[in-house]
Amino acid sequence: MRRRTLLATGLLSGLVPFQASRAQAVEKRDVSVSIGSWIIQYLPLPVAVAQGYFKDEGLNVTVNNFDAGGSKALQALLGGSTDMVVGFFDHTIQMQVQGKQIRAVILLNQIPGIVVAARKDLAGEIRSVADLKGRRVGITALGSSSEFQVRYMAARAGLKPDDLTLIPIGSDATAIAAVEHKAVDALNGNDPAITVMQQRGLIDILVDARTTEGADKAFGGKYPTSVLYSTETFIQQNPGTVQHVVNAFARSLRCIHDSTPEQLATMMPKEFVVGDMATFTSVLGHAKPVFPISGRFNEADLLRAKDVVASFNPKVGAATVDIGRTYTNRFVDAAPGA
């Protein structure tokens, strides 16, 4: 498994900034946060690194990028090799059904920001999701939210689960390569890769959930997607640490809304820039609707996400899911400026 790391170095314990020192004590200063791969929905994480927000909270945060789907980061969390994950909310539901309790502590996306697209050379044959029958469809990874979403949209279009051949292709350069080399006929993808493929004339968009209108059409309303989550055990044992991590992410959300796309592009660590700077700046300009301002959860929206997963996953459909155990607003409500 290929994994890249990025270190956001914190201050020494005796030099914790005034704002952090007034807050709850930090039980664990060295914290690892993992992502499956870099997609624009995870933007609050590199913003927090670039702006020194973790450092301001007295934390040493190591960011692990598995260059795979979100299920890889989830596996790392369950295996104990990472403390927290920036991933999709769907996983909290899936894990509860399996008897493994993880909880989201701040909302990072209020709409999915995903795009279902066909290869440009197949645009005459694939005009809608229904036309994906018998086709090879790229997803980030098997078991990822990318799979959940495309299965849901396919079911709404009248397709059966075995009508699609799902192929894991990652989400950045590997996804672009899969389309260029015609390894897939279509994909459920994310920015920045989607915008790069659009500009290169590689794809024709079928579903665009990067806007509120597109998310309404695809999912029937707001669909919470990226969140910061951890195990119930870690949260209970390290509430101060979790609070400081959430404080940093809350500042990131405000920074995204307060900054111009040019400012955001300039502040990004190079590991998170895909394509040229002009393309990346364009991606950031269109991404703001994806991010909430406060990071607070709305349970009605979370129930919509549960219904989407239950619609094609018989285990979730047959289970009694306690949605209240999949999230908490405790830390967002306590964050400075909340």
Protein backbone atom coordinates (compact mmCIF):
# COMPACT_ATOMS: atom_id res chain seq x y z
CA MET A 1 0.00 0.00 0.00
CA ARG A 2 1.43 3.37 -0.98
CA ARG A 3 1.10 6.06 1.65
CA ARG A 4 2.35 9.63 1.65
CA THR A 5 2.72 11.65 4.83
CA LEU A 6 2.70 15.35 5.53
CA LEU A 7 3.68 16.71 8.93
CA ALA A 8 2.06 19.78 10.47
CA THR A 9 4.44 20.43 13.32
CA GLY A 10 3.03 21.87 16.52
CA LEU A 11 4.56 23.98 19.25
CA LEU A 12 6.34 22.69 22.30
CA SER A 13 4.06 22.09 25.26
CA GLY A 14 5.40 25.11 27.11
CA LEU A 15 4.66 27.41 24.17
CA VAL A 16 1.04 26.57 23.44
CA PRO A 17 -0.71 29.67 22.06
CA PHE A 18 -2.93 31.64 24.41
CA GLN A 19 -6.15 30.66 22.64
CA ALA A 20 -5.36 26.94 22.88
CA SER A 21 -4.16 27.15 26.49
CA ARG A 22 -7.53 28.53 27.60
CA ALA A 23 -9.37 25.57 26.09
CA GLN A 24 -9.65 21.97 27.22
CA ALA A 25 -6.36 20.19 27.94
CA VAL A 26 -4.81 18.12 25.16
CA GLU A 27 -4.34 14.47 26.12
CA LYS A 28 -2.44 13.53 22.95
CA ARG A 29 -0.38 16.11 21.08
CA ASP A 30 0.88 13.82 18.32
CA VAL A 31 -2.17 13.07 16.17
CA SER A 32 -2.41 11.21 12.86
CA VAL A 33 -5.17 12.12 10.40
CA SER A 34 -5.66 9.95 7.31
CA ILE A 35 -7.35 10.34 3.94
CA GLY A 36 -7.95 7.72 1.29
CA SER A 37 -6.73 10.04 -1.45
CA TRP A 38 -6.72 13.75 -2.17
CA ILE A 39 -10.02 15.14 -3.45
CA ILE A 40 -11.32 18.69 -3.26
CA GLN A 41 -13.94 17.69 -0.66
CA TYR A 42 -11.07 17.31 1.82
CA LEU A 43 -9.88 20.91 1.33
CA PRO A 44 -10.27 21.94 5.01
CA LEU A 45 -7.43 19.56 5.90
CA PRO A 46 -4.64 21.09 3.76
CA VAL A 47 -5.95 24.56 4.65
CA ALA A 48 -5.46 23.75 8.34
CA VAL A 49 -1.95 22.50 7.60
CA ALA A 50 -1.02 25.46 5.41
CA GLN A 51 -2.38 28.08 7.78
CA GLY A 52 -0.81 26.56 10.88
CA TYR A 53 -4.15 25.97 12.60
CA PHE A 54 -3.04 22.65 14.11
CA LYS A 55 0.13 24.32 15.31
CA ASP A 56 -1.96 27.08 16.92
CA GLU A 57 -3.85 24.39 18.82
CA GLY A 58 -0.62 22.92 20.20
CA LEU A 59 -0.82 19.79 18.03
CA ASN A 60 1.69 17.83 15.96
CA VAL A 61 -0.51 16.46 13.17
CA THR A 62 0.73 13.92 10.65
CA VAL A 63 -1.42 13.62 7.52
CA ASN A 64 -1.40 10.19 5.86
CA ASN A 65 -2.54 9.93 2.24
CA PHE A 66 -3.07 6.33 1.10
CA ASP A 67 -3.58 7.27 -2.57
CA ALA A 68 -6.59 4.94 -2.62
CA GLY A 69 -10.27 5.08 -1.67
CA GLY A 70 -11.65 6.20 1.68
CA SER A 71 -12.10 2.59 2.74
CA LYS A 72 -8.31 2.33 3.13
CA ALA A 73 -8.25 5.19 5.63
CA LEU A 74 -11.18 3.61 7.46
CA GLN A 75 -9.28 0.32 7.69
CA ALA A 76 -6.32 2.18 9.16
CA LEU A 77 -8.57 3.71 11.82
CA LEU A 78 -10.12 0.38 12.75
CA GLY A 79 -6.68 -1.24 12.80
CA GLY A 80 -5.34 1.42 15.17
CA SER A 81 -2.70 2.88 12.83
CA THR A 82 -4.36 6.30 12.59
CA ASP A 83 -6.25 8.43 15.13
CA MET A 84 -8.76 10.22 12.93
CA VAL A 85 -10.00 10.16 9.34
CA VAL A 86 -11.24 12.78 6.92
CA GLY A 87 -13.66 10.64 4.96
CA PHE A 88 -17.27 10.25 3.97
CA PHE A 89 -20.12 10.17 6.47
CA ASP A 90 -21.54 6.98 4.95
CA HIS A 91 -18.85 4.98 6.72
CA THR A 92 -20.25 5.79 10.16
CA ILE A 93 -23.50 4.10 9.14
CA GLN A 94 -21.84 1.09 7.58
CA MET A 95 -19.68 0.52 10.64
CA GLN A 96 -22.55 0.81 13.11
CA VAL A 97 -24.37 -1.98 11.26
CA GLN A 98 -21.20 -4.06 11.62
CA GLY A 99 -21.07 -3.38 15.35
CA LYS A 100 -18.12 -0.98 15.13
CA GLN A 101 -18.82 2.46 16.53
CA ILE A 102 -17.25 5.48 14.85
CA ARG A 103 -18.55 9.02 15.17
CA ALA A 104 -18.29 12.16 13.03
CA VAL A 105 -17.20 15.25 14.96
CA ILE A 106 -17.44 18.04 12.34
CA LEU A 107 -19.20 18.33 8.97
CA LEU A 108 -16.89 19.35 6.12
CA ASN A 109 -19.22 19.00 3.09
CA GLN A 110 -22.90 19.85 2.89
CA ILE A 111 -23.23 18.53 -0.69
CA PRO A 112 -21.24 15.70 -2.30
CA GLY A 113 -19.31 17.56 -4.98
CA ILE A 114 -19.11 14.37 -7.06
CA VAL A 115 -19.51 14.00 -10.83
CA VAL A 116 -20.63 11.00 -12.87
CA ALA A 117 -19.19 11.28 -16.36
CA ALA A 118 -18.70 9.19 -19.49
CA ARG A 119 -15.66 9.16 -21.72
CA LYS A 120 -16.01 11.81 -24.40
CA ASP A 121 -15.66 9.30 -27.21
CA LEU A 122 -18.67 7.39 -25.80
CA ALA A 123 -20.88 10.46 -25.36
CA GLY A 124 -23.15 9.38 -28.20
CA GLU A 125 -23.75 6.02 -26.53
CA ILE A 126 -23.84 7.05 -22.85
CA ARG A 127 -26.22 9.96 -22.33
CA SER A 128 -27.51 9.17 -18.83
CA VAL A 129 -26.87 6.94 -15.82
CA ALA A 130 -29.30 4.40 -17.30
CA ASP A 131 -26.92 3.98 -20.23
CA LEU A 132 -24.20 2.66 -17.90
CA LYS A 133 -25.71 -0.82 -18.09
CA GLY A 134 -23.01 -3.28 -19.05
CA ARG A 135 -20.33 -0.60 -18.77
CA ARG A 136 -17.09 -0.39 -16.80
CA VAL A 137 -17.50 2.39 -14.24
CA GLY A 138 -14.54 3.77 -12.31
CA ILE A 139 -14.83 4.44 -8.57
CA THR A 140 -12.20 5.44 -6.03
CA ALA A 141 -12.19 2.02 -4.31
CA LEU A 142 -14.47 -0.89 -3.62
CA GLY A 143 -16.39 -0.30 -0.41
CA SER A 144 -15.92 3.47 -0.68
CA SER A 145 -18.63 6.11 -0.72
CA SER A 146 -17.87 6.50 -4.42
CA GLU A 147 -19.30 3.00 -4.85
CA PHE A 148 -22.30 3.73 -2.60
CA GLN A 149 -23.23 6.83 -4.57
CA VAL A 150 -22.99 5.36 -8.05
CA ARG A 151 -24.95 2.27 -7.00
CA TYR A 152 -27.69 4.51 -5.61
CA MET A 153 -27.91 6.58 -8.78
CA ALA A 154 -27.88 3.44 -10.91
CA ALA A 155 -30.72 1.94 -8.87
CA ARG A 156 -32.75 5.14 -9.29
CA ALA A 157 -32.18 4.82 -13.03
CA GLY A 158 -33.63 1.30 -12.99
CA LEU A 159 -30.39 -0.68 -13.11
CA LYS A 160 -29.63 -3.79 -11.09
CA PRO A 161 -26.44 -4.16 -9.00
CA ASP A 162 -24.87 -6.56 -11.48
CA ASP A 163 -25.59 -4.26 -14.44
CA LEU A 164 -22.38 -2.34 -13.65
CA THR A 165 -18.77 -3.46 -13.57
CA LEU A 166 -17.14 -1.28 -10.92
CA ILE A 167 -13.39 -0.73 -11.21
CA PRO A 168 -11.28 0.99 -8.51
CA ILE A 169 -9.19 3.76 -10.11
CA GLY A 170 -8.40 6.17 -7.27
CA SER A 171 -9.34 9.81 -7.55
CA ASP A 172 -6.53 12.02 -8.84
CA ALA A 173 -3.83 11.28 -11.43
CA THR A 174 -4.74 7.58 -11.49
CA ALA A 175 -8.36 8.40 -12.33
CA ILE A 176 -7.28 10.68 -15.15
CA ALA A 177 -4.97 7.96 -16.50
CA ALA A 178 -7.77 5.38 -16.37
CA VAL A 179 -9.94 7.57 -18.59
CA GLU A 180 -7.09 8.52 -20.94
CA HIS A 181 -6.15 4.87 -21.44
CA LYS A 182 -9.80 3.81 -21.80
CA ALA A 183 -9.61 1.42 -18.85
CA VAL A 184 -13.13 2.56 -17.91
CA ASP A 185 -16.14 3.73 -19.89
CA ALA A 186 -17.35 6.14 -17.21
CA LEU A 187 -16.54 7.15 -13.66
CA ASN A 188 -17.87 8.63 -10.45
CA GLY A 189 -15.17 11.20 -9.75
CA ASN A 190 -14.15 14.29 -7.85
CA ASP A 191 -12.36 17.55 -8.40
CA PRO A 192 -9.64 18.52 -9.11
CA ALA A 193 -9.40 15.50 -11.45
CA ILE A 194 -12.83 16.11 -13.01
CA THR A 195 -12.02 19.68 -14.00
CA VAL A 196 -8.66 18.57 -15.44
CA MET A 197 -10.46 15.94 -17.55
CA GLN A 198 -13.06 18.49 -18.66
CA GLN A 199 -10.37 20.89 -19.82
CA ARG A 200 -8.61 18.11 -21.70
CA GLY A 201 -11.85 17.11 -23.42
CA LEU A 202 -11.82 13.61 -21.94
CA ILE A 203 -15.31 13.38 -20.41
CA ASP A 204 -18.96 14.23 -20.87
CA ILE A 205 -20.82 14.95 -17.61
CA LEU A 206 -23.98 12.98 -16.77
CA VAL A 207 -24.54 14.02 -13.13
CA ASP A 208 -22.99 17.09 -11.50
CA ALA A 209 -23.39 17.27 -7.72
CA ARG A 210 -20.88 20.09 -7.29
CA THR A 211 -23.79 22.50 -6.96
CA THR A 212 -26.77 22.57 -4.61
CA GLU A 213 -29.11 22.13 -7.58
CA GLY A 214 -27.16 19.13 -8.83
CA ALA A 215 -27.14 17.52 -5.38
CA ASP A 216 -30.90 18.04 -5.08
CA LYS A 217 -31.40 16.33 -8.43
CA ALA A 218 -29.11 13.40 -7.62
CA PHE A 219 -29.94 12.84 -3.96
CA GLY A 220 -33.11 14.77 -3.20
CA GLY A 221 -31.51 17.46 -1.04
CA LYS A 222 -28.38 18.23 0.93
CA TYR A 223 -26.20 15.17 1.29
CA PRO A 224 -23.50 15.32 4.01
CA THR A 225 -20.37 13.87 2.53
CA SER A 226 -16.91 14.55 3.93
CA VAL A 227 -16.57 14.65 7.72
CA LEU A 228 -13.87 14.22 10.34
CA TYR A 229 -14.49 11.02 12.27
CA SER A 230 -12.85 8.74 14.80
CA THR A 231 -13.64 5.75 16.95
CA GLU A 232 -15.88 6.21 19.96
CA THR A 233 -13.03 4.95 22.13
CA PHE A 234 -10.57 7.58 20.89
CA ILE A 235 -13.11 10.36 21.34
CA GLN A 236 -13.95 9.29 24.89
CA GLN A 237 -10.31 8.94 25.90
CA ASN A 238 -9.10 12.13 24.20
CA PRO A 239 -11.90 14.73 24.29
CA GLY A 240 -9.48 17.62 24.66
CA THR A 241 -7.43 16.50 21.69
CA VAL A 242 -10.55 16.07 19.58
CA GLN A 243 -11.73 19.55 20.59
CA HIS A 244 -8.47 21.14 19.45
CA VAL A 245 -8.52 19.25 16.15
CA VAL A 246 -12.12 20.36 15.57
CA ASN A 247 -11.13 23.95 16.44
CA ALA A 248 -8.57 23.84 13.61
CA PHE A 249 -11.07 22.45 11.10
CA ALA A 250 -13.68 25.04 12.10
CA ARG A 251 -11.16 27.77 11.35
CA SER A 252 -10.45 26.11 7.99
CA LEU A 253 -14.10 26.27 6.99
CA ARG A 254 -14.21 29.98 7.79
CA CYS A 255 -10.95 30.53 5.88
CA ILE A 256 -12.37 28.82 2.78
CA HIS A 257 -15.35 31.16 2.77
CA ASP A 258 -13.29 34.26 3.60
CA SER A 259 -10.53 33.68 1.02
CA THR A 260 -10.48 34.18 -2.73
CA PRO A 261 -9.74 31.15 -4.94
CA GLU A 262 -6.37 32.70 -5.77
CA GLN A 263 -5.50 33.01 -2.07
CA LEU A 264 -6.53 29.40 -1.40
CA ALA A 265 -4.52 28.09 -4.35
CA THR A 266 -1.43 29.99 -3.23
CA MET A 267 -1.56 28.68 0.33
CA MET A 268 -1.89 25.00 -0.65
CA PRO A 269 1.03 22.65 0.06
CA LYS A 270 2.31 21.36 -3.30
CA GLU A 271 1.21 17.83 -2.40
CA PHE A 272 -2.40 18.94 -2.79
CA VAL A 273 -2.17 20.84 -6.09
CA VAL A 274 -3.45 18.85 -9.10
CA GLY A 275 -2.96 20.24 -12.58
CA ASP A 276 -1.62 23.72 -13.25
CA MET A 277 -2.34 26.61 -10.89
CA ALA A 278 -4.88 28.21 -13.23
CA THR A 279 -6.90 24.98 -13.35
CA PHE A 280 -6.59 24.45 -9.61
CA THR A 281 -7.73 28.02 -8.92
CA SER A 282 -10.76 27.44 -11.16
CA VAL A 283 -11.61 24.28 -9.20
CA LEU A 284 -11.45 26.18 -5.90
CA GLY A 285 -13.68 28.91 -7.28
CA HIS A 286 -16.45 26.44 -8.00
CA ALA A 287 -15.98 24.42 -4.80
CA LYS A 288 -17.27 26.84 -2.16
CA PRO A 289 -20.90 25.60 -2.20
CA VAL A 290 -19.62 22.21 -1.06
CA PHE A 291 -18.37 23.56 2.28
CA PRO A 292 -20.60 24.63 5.19
CA ILE A 293 -19.65 27.64 7.27
CA SER A 294 -20.15 26.20 10.75
CA GLY A 295 -19.55 22.46 10.40
CA ARG A 296 -22.64 21.68 12.44
CA PHE A 297 -24.66 18.56 11.60
CA ASN A 298 -28.35 18.59 10.65
CA GLU A 299 -29.90 15.24 11.50
CA ALA A 300 -32.47 15.40 8.69
CA ASP A 301 -29.64 15.57 6.15
CA LEU A 302 -27.83 12.68 7.85
CA LEU A 303 -30.98 10.57 7.62
CA ARG A 304 -31.02 11.24 3.87
CA ALA A 305 -27.52 9.76 3.64
CA LYS A 306 -28.69 6.72 5.62
CA ASP A 307 -31.61 6.21 3.25
CA VAL A 308 -29.28 6.33 0.25
CA VAL A 309 -27.04 3.58 1.68
CA ALA A 310 -30.05 1.51 2.81
CA SER A 311 -31.56 1.65 -0.67
CA PHE A 312 -28.96 -0.74 -2.10
CA ASN A 313 -27.29 -2.26 0.96
CA PRO A 314 -29.62 -4.95 2.38
CA LYS A 315 -27.72 -5.12 5.68
CA VAL A 316 -28.23 -1.42 6.32
CA GLY A 317 -31.82 -1.62 5.05
CA ALA A 318 -32.63 -4.42 7.49
CA ALA A 319 -30.82 -2.87 10.46
CA THR A 320 -32.04 -0.30 12.97
CA VAL A 321 -29.53 2.52 12.62
CA ASP A 322 -29.27 4.95 15.54
CA ILE A 323 -28.30 8.05 13.57
CA GLY A 324 -27.68 9.93 16.82
CA ARG A 325 -24.68 7.70 17.48
CA THR A 326 -23.06 8.49 14.14
CA TYR A 327 -22.25 12.11 14.94
CA THR A 328 -21.97 14.76 17.63
CA ASN A 329 -22.19 18.56 17.54
CA ARG A 330 -20.54 18.80 20.95
CA PHE A 331 -17.12 19.85 19.66
CA VAL A 332 -18.35 22.20 16.91
CA ASP A 333 -20.58 23.99 19.40
CA ALA A 334 -17.59 24.48 21.73
CA ALA A 335 -15.21 25.72 19.02
CA PRO A 336 -14.19 29.40 19.26
CA GLY A 337 -16.44 31.56 17.11
CA ALA A 338 -19.15 28.88 16.86
